[in-house]
Amino acid sequence: MKDTNTIVITALASIISLGALGTQSSALAGEKKNVEKCYGIAKTGQNDCKTLSNACAGHSLQDGQKDAFIALPKGTCERIVGASLEAAAAAPK
């Protein structure tokens, strides 16, 4: 059962991450009001900005790292299992 949940969560996070690529470019263009930071769902190396444990986008150390975020349309993050609108402490290396 746990493996099935992990697969479903990972698939959902991947789909949302792909959809957020367009949102990220518009957020960089200055339309940040409709975007929120969604923590804990980014795939390894796919975070949008720095984390508590590194200083660059694309350098998250593991899937679902609690201090790594991706930019999503407002209201989306709260609908994703395991996602958070606030960063948590990074897992020790």
PDB file of N, CA and C in Angstrom:
ATOM      1  N   MET A   1       0.826  -1.190   0.000  1.00  0.00           N
ATOM      2  CA  MET A   1       0.000   0.000   0.000  1.00  0.00           C
ATOM      3  C   MET A   1       0.868   1.251   0.000  1.00  0.00           C
ATOM      4  N   LYS A   2       1.946   1.250   0.793  1.00  0.00           N
ATOM      5  CA  LYS A   2       2.828   2.409   0.863  1.00  0.00           C
ATOM      6  C   LYS A   2       3.469   2.703  -0.485  1.00  0.00           C
ATOM      7  N   ASP A   3       3.872   1.641  -1.206  1.00  0.00           N
ATOM      8  CA  ASP A   3       4.497   1.835  -2.512  1.00  0.00           C
ATOM      9  C   ASP A   3       3.519   2.459  -3.492  1.00  0.00           C
ATOM     10  N   THR A   4       2.262   2.052  -3.445  1.00  0.00           N
ATOM     11  CA  THR A   4       1.255   2.618  -4.330  1.00  0.00           C
ATOM     12  C   THR A   4       1.056   4.094  -4.037  1.00  0.00           C
ATOM     13  N   ASN A   5       0.985   4.451  -2.764  1.00  0.00           N
ATOM     14  CA  ASN A   5       0.829   5.866  -2.391  1.00  0.00           C
ATOM     15  C   ASN A   5       2.020   6.679  -2.860  1.00  0.00           C
ATOM     16  N   THR A   6       3.213   6.148  -2.699  1.00  0.00           N
ATOM     17  CA  THR A   6       4.420   6.851  -3.125  1.00  0.00           C
ATOM     18  C   THR A   6       4.409   7.086  -4.630  1.00  0.00           C
ATOM     19  N   ILE A   7       4.003   6.090  -5.384  1.00  0.00           N
ATOM     20  CA  ILE A   7       3.949   6.219  -6.840  1.00  0.00           C
ATOM     21  C   ILE A   7       2.924   7.273  -7.247  1.00  0.00           C
ATOM     22  N   VAL A   8       1.761   7.244  -6.621  1.00  0.00           N
ATOM     23  CA  VAL A   8       0.716   8.208  -6.956  1.00  0.00           C
ATOM     24  C   VAL A   8       1.164   9.627  -6.617  1.00  0.00           C
ATOM     25  N   ILE A   9       1.740   9.824  -5.434  1.00  0.00           N
ATOM     26  CA  ILE A   9       2.199  11.151  -5.019  1.00  0.00           C
ATOM     27  C   ILE A   9       3.301  11.650  -5.948  1.00  0.00           C
ATOM     28  N   THR A  10       4.242  10.771  -6.281  1.00  0.00           N
ATOM     29  CA  THR A  10       5.337  11.156  -7.167  1.00  0.00           C
ATOM     30  C   THR A  10       4.815  11.524  -8.551  1.00  0.00           C
ATOM     31  N   ALA A  11       3.877  10.748  -9.069  1.00  0.00           N
ATOM     32  CA  ALA A  11       3.305  11.043 -10.384  1.00  0.00           C
ATOM     33  C   ALA A  11       2.580  12.381 -10.373  1.00  0.00           C
ATOM     34  N   LEU A  12       1.796  12.624  -9.334  1.00  0.00           N
ATOM     35  CA  LEU A  12       1.070  13.887  -9.229  1.00  0.00           C
ATOM     36  C   LEU A  12       2.027  15.068  -9.128  1.00  0.00           C
ATOM     37  N   ALA A  13       3.056  14.931  -8.320  1.00  0.00           N
ATOM     38  CA  ALA A  13       4.040  16.009  -8.182  1.00  0.00           C
ATOM     39  C   ALA A  13       4.745  16.270  -9.507  1.00  0.00           C
ATOM     40  N   SER A  14       5.034  15.224 -10.259  1.00  0.00           N
ATOM     41  CA  SER A  14       5.697  15.386 -11.556  1.00  0.00           C
ATOM     42  C   SER A  14       4.810  16.125 -12.541  1.00  0.00           C
ATOM     43  N   ILE A  15       3.539  15.768 -12.574  1.00  0.00           N
ATOM     44  CA  ILE A  15       2.609  16.421 -13.493  1.00  0.00           C
ATOM     45  C   ILE A  15       2.459  17.896 -13.140  1.00  0.00           C
ATOM     46  N   ILE A  16       2.317  18.179 -11.854  1.00  0.00           N
ATOM     47  CA  ILE A  16       2.163  19.567 -11.423  1.00  0.00           C
ATOM     48  C   ILE A  16       3.447  20.342 -11.683  1.00  0.00           C
ATOM     49  N   SER A  17       4.587  19.703 -11.479  1.00  0.00           N
ATOM     50  CA  SER A  17       5.862  20.374 -11.733  1.00  0.00           C
ATOM     51  C   SER A  17       5.987  20.776 -13.196  1.00  0.00           C
ATOM     52  N   LEU A  18       5.581  19.891 -14.082  1.00  0.00           N
ATOM     53  CA  LEU A  18       5.634  20.219 -15.509  1.00  0.00           C
ATOM     54  C   LEU A  18       4.700  21.377 -15.830  1.00  0.00           C
ATOM     55  N   GLY A  19       3.530  21.381 -15.243  1.00  0.00           N
ATOM     56  CA  GLY A  19       2.582  22.464 -15.467  1.00  0.00           C
ATOM     57  C   GLY A  19       3.077  23.782 -14.898  1.00  0.00           C
ATOM     58  N   ALA A  20       3.881  23.703 -13.856  1.00  0.00           N
ATOM     59  CA  ALA A  20       4.376  24.917 -13.201  1.00  0.00           C
ATOM     60  C   ALA A  20       5.502  25.584 -13.980  1.00  0.00           C
ATOM     61  N   LEU A  21       6.070  24.908 -14.955  1.00  0.00           N
ATOM     62  CA  LEU A  21       7.160  25.509 -15.721  1.00  0.00           C
ATOM     63  C   LEU A  21       6.717  26.802 -16.388  1.00  0.00           C
ATOM     64  N   GLY A  22       5.535  26.816 -16.954  1.00  0.00           N
ATOM     65  CA  GLY A  22       5.007  28.035 -17.558  1.00  0.00           C
ATOM     66  C   GLY A  22       4.737  29.088 -16.503  1.00  0.00           C
ATOM     67  N   THR A  23       4.253  28.665 -15.355  1.00  0.00           N
ATOM     68  CA  THR A  23       3.980  29.590 -14.260  1.00  0.00           C
ATOM     69  C   THR A  23       5.271  30.214 -13.763  1.00  0.00           C
ATOM     70  N   GLN A  24       6.324  29.433 -13.705  1.00  0.00           N
ATOM     71  CA  GLN A  24       7.601  29.955 -13.214  1.00  0.00           C
ATOM     72  C   GLN A  24       8.104  31.072 -14.121  1.00  0.00           C
ATOM     73  N   SER A  25       8.018  30.882 -15.427  1.00  0.00           N
ATOM     74  CA  SER A  25       8.518  31.923 -16.324  1.00  0.00           C
ATOM     75  C   SER A  25       7.691  33.195 -16.209  1.00  0.00           C
ATOM     76  N   SER A  26       6.381  33.071 -16.020  1.00  0.00           N
ATOM     77  CA  SER A  26       5.577  34.280 -15.845  1.00  0.00           C
ATOM     78  C   SER A  26       5.839  34.906 -14.483  1.00  0.00           C
ATOM     79  N   ALA A  27       6.158  34.095 -13.485  1.00  0.00           N
ATOM     80  CA  ALA A  27       6.480  34.639 -12.164  1.00  0.00           C
ATOM     81  C   ALA A  27       7.765  35.462 -12.247  1.00  0.00           C
ATOM     82  N   LEU A  28       8.713  35.007 -13.014  1.00  0.00           N
ATOM     83  CA  LEU A  28       9.955  35.742 -13.164  1.00  0.00           C
ATOM     84  C   LEU A  28       9.729  37.039 -13.941  1.00  0.00           C
ATOM     85  N   ALA A  29       8.682  37.066 -14.732  1.00  0.00           N
ATOM     86  CA  ALA A  29       8.382  38.265 -15.512  1.00  0.00           C
ATOM     87  C   ALA A  29       7.662  39.318 -14.677  1.00  0.00           C
ATOM     88  N   GLY A  30       7.374  39.030 -13.434  1.00  0.00           N
ATOM     89  CA  GLY A  30       6.784  40.017 -12.553  1.00  0.00           C
ATOM     90  C   GLY A  30       5.346  39.752 -12.149  1.00  0.00           C
ATOM     91  N   GLU A  31       4.757  38.638 -12.553  1.00  0.00           N
ATOM     92  CA  GLU A  31       3.380  38.327 -12.204  1.00  0.00           C
ATOM     93  C   GLU A  31       3.337  37.355 -11.033  1.00  0.00           C
ATOM     94  N   LYS A  32       3.953  37.710  -9.936  1.00  0.00           N
ATOM     95  CA  LYS A  32       4.079  36.820  -8.791  1.00  0.00           C
ATOM     96  C   LYS A  32       2.818  36.733  -7.936  1.00  0.00           C
ATOM     97  N   LYS A  33       1.838  37.589  -8.161  1.00  0.00           N
ATOM     98  CA  LYS A  33       0.672  37.633  -7.291  1.00  0.00           C
ATOM     99  C   LYS A  33      -0.191  36.376  -7.378  1.00  0.00           C
ATOM    100  N   ASN A  34      -0.116  35.608  -8.434  1.00  0.00           N
ATOM    101  CA  ASN A  34      -0.929  34.406  -8.583  1.00  0.00           C
ATOM    102  C   ASN A  34      -0.134  33.130  -8.369  1.00  0.00           C
ATOM    103  N   VAL A  35       1.035  33.242  -7.750  1.00  0.00           N
ATOM    104  CA  VAL A  35       1.929  32.103  -7.556  1.00  0.00           C
ATOM    105  C   VAL A  35       2.251  31.953  -6.072  1.00  0.00           C
ATOM    106  N   GLU A  36       2.399  30.702  -5.635  1.00  0.00           N
ATOM    107  CA  GLU A  36       2.812  30.452  -4.255  1.00  0.00           C
ATOM    108  C   GLU A  36       3.945  29.434  -4.247  1.00  0.00           C
ATOM    109  N   LYS A  37       4.742  29.478  -3.203  1.00  0.00           N
ATOM    110  CA  LYS A  37       5.823  28.513  -3.025  1.00  0.00           C
ATOM    111  C   LYS A  37       5.234  27.270  -2.378  1.00  0.00           C
ATOM    112  N   CYS A  38       5.467  26.121  -3.000  1.00  0.00           N
ATOM    113  CA  CYS A  38       4.946  24.856  -2.494  1.00  0.00           C
ATOM    114  C   CYS A  38       6.131  23.959  -2.128  1.00  0.00           C
ATOM    115  N   TYR A  39       6.297  23.706  -0.843  1.00  0.00           N
ATOM    116  CA  TYR A  39       7.439  22.968  -0.318  1.00  0.00           C
ATOM    117  C   TYR A  39       7.144  21.475  -0.179  1.00  0.00           C
ATOM    118  N   GLY A  40       8.195  20.679  -0.313  1.00  0.00           N
ATOM    119  CA  GLY A  40       8.124  19.259  -0.011  1.00  0.00           C
ATOM    120  C   GLY A  40       7.682  18.355  -1.141  1.00  0.00           C
ATOM    121  N   ILE A  41       7.557  18.868  -2.360  1.00  0.00           N
ATOM    122  CA  ILE A  41       7.114  18.005  -3.463  1.00  0.00           C
ATOM    123  C   ILE A  41       8.059  18.001  -4.659  1.00  0.00           C
ATOM    124  N   ALA A  42       9.078  18.840  -4.635  1.00  0.00           N
ATOM    125  CA  ALA A  42      10.004  18.920  -5.777  1.00  0.00           C
ATOM    126  C   ALA A  42      10.813  17.626  -5.900  1.00  0.00           C
ATOM    127  N   LYS A  43      11.033  17.217  -7.122  1.00  0.00           N
ATOM    128  CA  LYS A  43      11.900  16.068  -7.392  1.00  0.00           C
ATOM    129  C   LYS A  43      13.355  16.488  -7.175  1.00  0.00           C
ATOM    130  N   THR A  44      14.235  15.535  -6.992  1.00  0.00           N
ATOM    131  CA  THR A  44      15.654  15.813  -6.810  1.00  0.00           C
ATOM    132  C   THR A  44      16.171  16.693  -7.951  1.00  0.00           C
ATOM    133  N   GLY A  45      16.787  17.814  -7.587  1.00  0.00           N
ATOM    134  CA  GLY A  45      17.363  18.711  -8.582  1.00  0.00           C
ATOM    135  C   GLY A  45      16.354  19.527  -9.369  1.00  0.00           C
ATOM    136  N   GLN A  46      15.101  19.550  -8.957  1.00  0.00           N
ATOM    137  CA  GLN A  46      14.072  20.260  -9.719  1.00  0.00           C
ATOM    138  C   GLN A  46      13.426  21.410  -8.940  1.00  0.00           C
ATOM    139  N   ASN A  47      14.028  21.828  -7.837  1.00  0.00           N
ATOM    140  CA  ASN A  47      13.470  22.942  -7.064  1.00  0.00           C
ATOM    141  C   ASN A  47      13.648  24.258  -7.817  1.00  0.00           C
ATOM    142  N   ASP A  48      12.799  25.236  -7.506  1.00  0.00           N
ATOM    143  CA  ASP A  48      12.816  26.507  -8.234  1.00  0.00           C
ATOM    144  C   ASP A  48      13.787  27.540  -7.681  1.00  0.00           C
ATOM    145  N   CYS A  49      14.190  27.428  -6.455  1.00  0.00           N
ATOM    146  CA  CYS A  49      15.063  28.436  -5.878  1.00  0.00           C
ATOM    147  C   CYS A  49      15.897  27.810  -4.763  1.00  0.00           C
ATOM    148  N   LYS A  50      16.682  28.631  -4.077  1.00  0.00           N
ATOM    149  CA  LYS A  50      17.559  28.113  -3.025  1.00  0.00           C
ATOM    150  C   LYS A  50      16.753  27.441  -1.907  1.00  0.00           C
ATOM    151  N   THR A  51      17.424  26.595  -1.149  1.00  0.00           N
ATOM    152  CA  THR A  51      16.826  25.928  -0.003  1.00  0.00           C
ATOM    153  C   THR A  51      17.623  26.306   1.241  1.00  0.00           C
ATOM    154  N   LEU A  52      17.226  25.784   2.366  1.00  0.00           N
ATOM    155  CA  LEU A  52      17.987  26.033   3.593  1.00  0.00           C
ATOM    156  C   LEU A  52      19.342  25.332   3.557  1.00  0.00           C
ATOM    157  N   SER A  53      19.489  24.314   2.692  1.00  0.00           N
ATOM    158  CA  SER A  53      20.730  23.546   2.654  1.00  0.00           C
ATOM    159  C   SER A  53      21.590  23.810   1.416  1.00  0.00           C
ATOM    160  N   ASN A  54      21.134  24.649   0.472  1.00  0.00           N
ATOM    161  CA  ASN A  54      21.956  25.022  -0.683  1.00  0.00           C
ATOM    162  C   ASN A  54      21.491  26.371  -1.221  1.00  0.00           C
ATOM    163  N   ALA A  55      22.275  26.959  -2.114  1.00  0.00           N
ATOM    164  CA  ALA A  55      22.028  28.340  -2.526  1.00  0.00           C
ATOM    165  C   ALA A  55      21.525  28.497  -3.958  1.00  0.00           C
ATOM    166  N   CYS A  56      21.171  27.411  -4.636  1.00  0.00           N
ATOM    167  CA  CYS A  56      20.784  27.547  -6.041  1.00  0.00           C
ATOM    168  C   CYS A  56      19.544  26.734  -6.378  1.00  0.00           C
ATOM    169  N   ALA A  57      18.836  27.189  -7.409  1.00  0.00           N
ATOM    170  CA  ALA A  57      17.728  26.411  -7.953  1.00  0.00           C
ATOM    171  C   ALA A  57      18.298  25.151  -8.597  1.00  0.00           C
ATOM    172  N   GLY A  58      17.527  24.094  -8.589  1.00  0.00           N
ATOM    173  CA  GLY A  58      17.958  22.854  -9.237  1.00  0.00           C
ATOM    174  C   GLY A  58      18.965  22.044  -8.452  1.00  0.00           C
ATOM    175  N   HIS A  59      19.115  22.319  -7.169  1.00  0.00           N
ATOM    176  CA  HIS A  59      20.099  21.591  -6.376  1.00  0.00           C
ATOM    177  C   HIS A  59      19.512  20.882  -5.165  1.00  0.00           C
ATOM    178  N   SER A  60      18.209  20.585  -5.186  1.00  0.00           N
ATOM    179  CA  SER A  60      17.642  19.838  -4.061  1.00  0.00           C
ATOM    180  C   SER A  60      18.289  18.456  -4.030  1.00  0.00           C
ATOM    181  N   LEU A  61      18.460  17.935  -2.852  1.00  0.00           N
ATOM    182  CA  LEU A  61      19.248  16.720  -2.647  1.00  0.00           C
ATOM    183  C   LEU A  61      18.440  15.433  -2.701  1.00  0.00           C
ATOM    184  N   GLN A  62      17.115  15.535  -2.566  1.00  0.00           N
ATOM    185  CA  GLN A  62      16.279  14.331  -2.576  1.00  0.00           C
ATOM    186  C   GLN A  62      14.857  14.692  -2.986  1.00  0.00           C
ATOM    187  N   ASP A  63      14.112  13.696  -3.437  1.00  0.00           N
ATOM    188  CA  ASP A  63      12.704  13.911  -3.747  1.00  0.00           C
ATOM    189  C   ASP A  63      11.970  14.312  -2.477  1.00  0.00           C
ATOM    190  N   GLY A  64      11.095  15.287  -2.594  1.00  0.00           N
ATOM    191  CA  GLY A  64      10.270  15.689  -1.464  1.00  0.00           C
ATOM    192  C   GLY A  64      11.009  16.403  -0.351  1.00  0.00           C
ATOM    193  N   GLN A  65      12.166  16.969  -0.658  1.00  0.00           N
ATOM    194  CA  GLN A  65      12.946  17.683   0.362  1.00  0.00           C
ATOM    195  C   GLN A  65      12.084  18.786   0.965  1.00  0.00           C
ATOM    196  N   LYS A  66      11.953  18.813   2.272  1.00  0.00           N
ATOM    197  CA  LYS A  66      10.993  19.673   2.963  1.00  0.00           C
ATOM    198  C   LYS A  66      11.316  21.163   2.897  1.00  0.00           C
ATOM    199  N   ASP A  67      12.533  21.540   2.548  1.00  0.00           N
ATOM    200  CA  ASP A  67      12.867  22.965   2.447  1.00  0.00           C
ATOM    201  C   ASP A  67      13.025  23.427   0.995  1.00  0.00           C
ATOM    202  N   ALA A  68      12.721  22.563   0.035  1.00  0.00           N
ATOM    203  CA  ALA A  68      12.805  22.907  -1.381  1.00  0.00           C
ATOM    204  C   ALA A  68      11.395  23.152  -1.920  1.00  0.00           C
ATOM    205  N   PHE A  69      11.241  24.195  -2.751  1.00  0.00           N
ATOM    206  CA  PHE A  69       9.910  24.490  -3.271  1.00  0.00           C
ATOM    207  C   PHE A  69       9.883  24.584  -4.783  1.00  0.00           C
ATOM    208  N   ILE A  70       8.675  24.479  -5.301  1.00  0.00           N
ATOM    209  CA  ILE A  70       8.406  24.817  -6.687  1.00  0.00           C
ATOM    210  C   ILE A  70       7.276  25.851  -6.678  1.00  0.00           C
ATOM    211  N   ALA A  71       7.269  26.721  -7.668  1.00  0.00           N
ATOM    212  CA  ALA A  71       6.232  27.740  -7.773  1.00  0.00           C
ATOM    213  C   ALA A  71       5.012  27.137  -8.463  1.00  0.00           C
ATOM    214  N   LEU A  72       3.855  27.282  -7.832  1.00  0.00           N
ATOM    215  CA  LEU A  72       2.604  26.756  -8.368  1.00  0.00           C
ATOM    216  C   LEU A  72       1.531  27.840  -8.335  1.00  0.00           C
ATOM    217  N   PRO A  73       0.504  27.685  -9.154  1.00  0.00           N
ATOM    218  CA  PRO A  73      -0.611  28.632  -9.072  1.00  0.00           C
ATOM    219  C   PRO A  73      -1.219  28.596  -7.669  1.00  0.00           C
ATOM    220  N   LYS A  74      -1.627  29.764  -7.165  1.00  0.00           N
ATOM    221  CA  LYS A  74      -2.209  29.844  -5.827  1.00  0.00           C
ATOM    222  C   LYS A  74      -3.381  28.881  -5.689  1.00  0.00           C
ATOM    223  N   GLY A  75      -3.439  28.218  -4.517  1.00  0.00           N
ATOM    224  CA  GLY A  75      -4.512  27.285  -4.224  1.00  0.00           C
ATOM    225  C   GLY A  75      -4.205  25.858  -4.617  1.00  0.00           C
ATOM    226  N   THR A  76      -3.125  25.639  -5.355  1.00  0.00           N
ATOM    227  CA  THR A  76      -2.785  24.289  -5.810  1.00  0.00           C
ATOM    228  C   THR A  76      -2.064  23.495  -4.730  1.00  0.00           C
ATOM    229  N   CYS A  77      -1.141  24.118  -4.037  1.00  0.00           N
ATOM    230  CA  CYS A  77      -0.298  23.425  -3.067  1.00  0.00           C
ATOM    231  C   CYS A  77      -1.107  22.737  -1.976  1.00  0.00           C
ATOM    232  N   GLU A  78      -2.090  23.424  -1.459  1.00  0.00           N
ATOM    233  CA  GLU A  78      -2.866  22.867  -0.351  1.00  0.00           C
ATOM    234  C   GLU A  78      -3.662  21.632  -0.763  1.00  0.00           C
ATOM    235  N   ARG A  79      -3.746  21.354  -2.045  1.00  0.00           N
ATOM    236  CA  ARG A  79      -4.486  20.193  -2.539  1.00  0.00           C
ATOM    237  C   ARG A  79      -3.593  18.983  -2.788  1.00  0.00           C
ATOM    238  N   ILE A  80      -2.286  19.114  -2.536  1.00  0.00           N
ATOM    239  CA  ILE A  80      -1.333  18.044  -2.808  1.00  0.00           C
ATOM    240  C   ILE A  80      -0.907  17.387  -1.497  1.00  0.00           C
ATOM    241  N   VAL A  81      -1.031  16.064  -1.440  1.00  0.00           N
ATOM    242  CA  VAL A  81      -0.628  15.319  -0.248  1.00  0.00           C
ATOM    243  C   VAL A  81       0.875  15.464  -0.051  1.00  0.00           C
ATOM    244  N   GLY A  82       1.283  15.821   1.166  1.00  0.00           N
ATOM    245  CA  GLY A  82       2.691  15.961   1.492  1.00  0.00           C
ATOM    246  C   GLY A  82       3.272  17.327   1.208  1.00  0.00           C
ATOM    247  N   ALA A  83       2.478  18.206   0.597  1.00  0.00           N
ATOM    248  CA  ALA A  83       2.959  19.561   0.271  1.00  0.00           C
ATOM    249  C   ALA A  83       2.685  20.503   1.435  1.00  0.00           C
ATOM    250  N   SER A  84       3.453  21.596   1.467  1.00  0.00           N
ATOM    251  CA  SER A  84       3.297  22.578   2.520  1.00  0.00           C
ATOM    252  C   SER A  84       3.580  23.978   1.976  1.00  0.00           C
ATOM    253  N   LEU A  85       2.914  24.964   2.537  1.00  0.00           N
ATOM    254  CA  LEU A  85       3.168  26.350   2.136  1.00  0.00           C
ATOM    255  C   LEU A  85       4.318  26.956   2.936  1.00  0.00           C
ATOM    256  N   GLU A  86       4.856  26.205   3.880  1.00  0.00           N
ATOM    257  CA  GLU A  86       5.989  26.668   4.680  1.00  0.00           C
ATOM    258  C   GLU A  86       7.124  25.651   4.639  1.00  0.00           C
ATOM    259  N   ALA A  87       8.345  26.174   4.617  1.00  0.00           N
ATOM    260  CA  ALA A  87       9.520  25.295   4.585  1.00  0.00           C
ATOM    261  C   ALA A  87       9.722  24.653   5.953  1.00  0.00           C
ATOM    262  N   ALA A  88      10.127  23.405   5.927  1.00  0.00           N
ATOM    263  CA  ALA A  88      10.517  22.699   7.144  1.00  0.00           C
ATOM    264  C   ALA A  88      12.026  22.529   7.111  1.00  0.00           C
ATOM    265  N   ALA A  89      12.611  22.203   8.225  1.00  0.00           N
ATOM    266  CA  ALA A  89      14.063  21.981   8.271  1.00  0.00           C
ATOM    267  C   ALA A  89      14.438  20.857   7.337  1.00  0.00           C
ATOM    268  N   ALA A  90      15.563  21.010   6.661  1.00  0.00           N
ATOM    269  CA  ALA A  90      16.058  19.984   5.743  1.00  0.00           C
ATOM    270  C   ALA A  90      16.504  18.762   6.521  1.00  0.00           C
ATOM    271  N   ALA A  91      16.364  17.609   5.884  1.00  0.00           N
ATOM    272  CA  ALA A  91      16.828  16.368   6.489  1.00  0.00           C
ATOM    273  C   ALA A  91      18.346  16.369   6.552  1.00  0.00           C
ATOM    274  N   PRO A  92      18.936  15.828   7.617  1.00  0.00           N
ATOM    275  CA  PRO A  92      20.402  15.778   7.698  1.00  0.00           C
ATOM    276  C   PRO A  92      20.983  14.926   6.594  1.00  0.00           C
ATOM    277  N   LYS A  93      22.190  15.279   6.144  1.00  0.00           N
ATOM    278  CA  LYS A  93      22.849  14.527   5.063  1.00  0.00           C
ATOM    279  C   LYS A  93      23.347  13.198   5.551  1.00  0.00           C
TER     280      LYS A  93
END
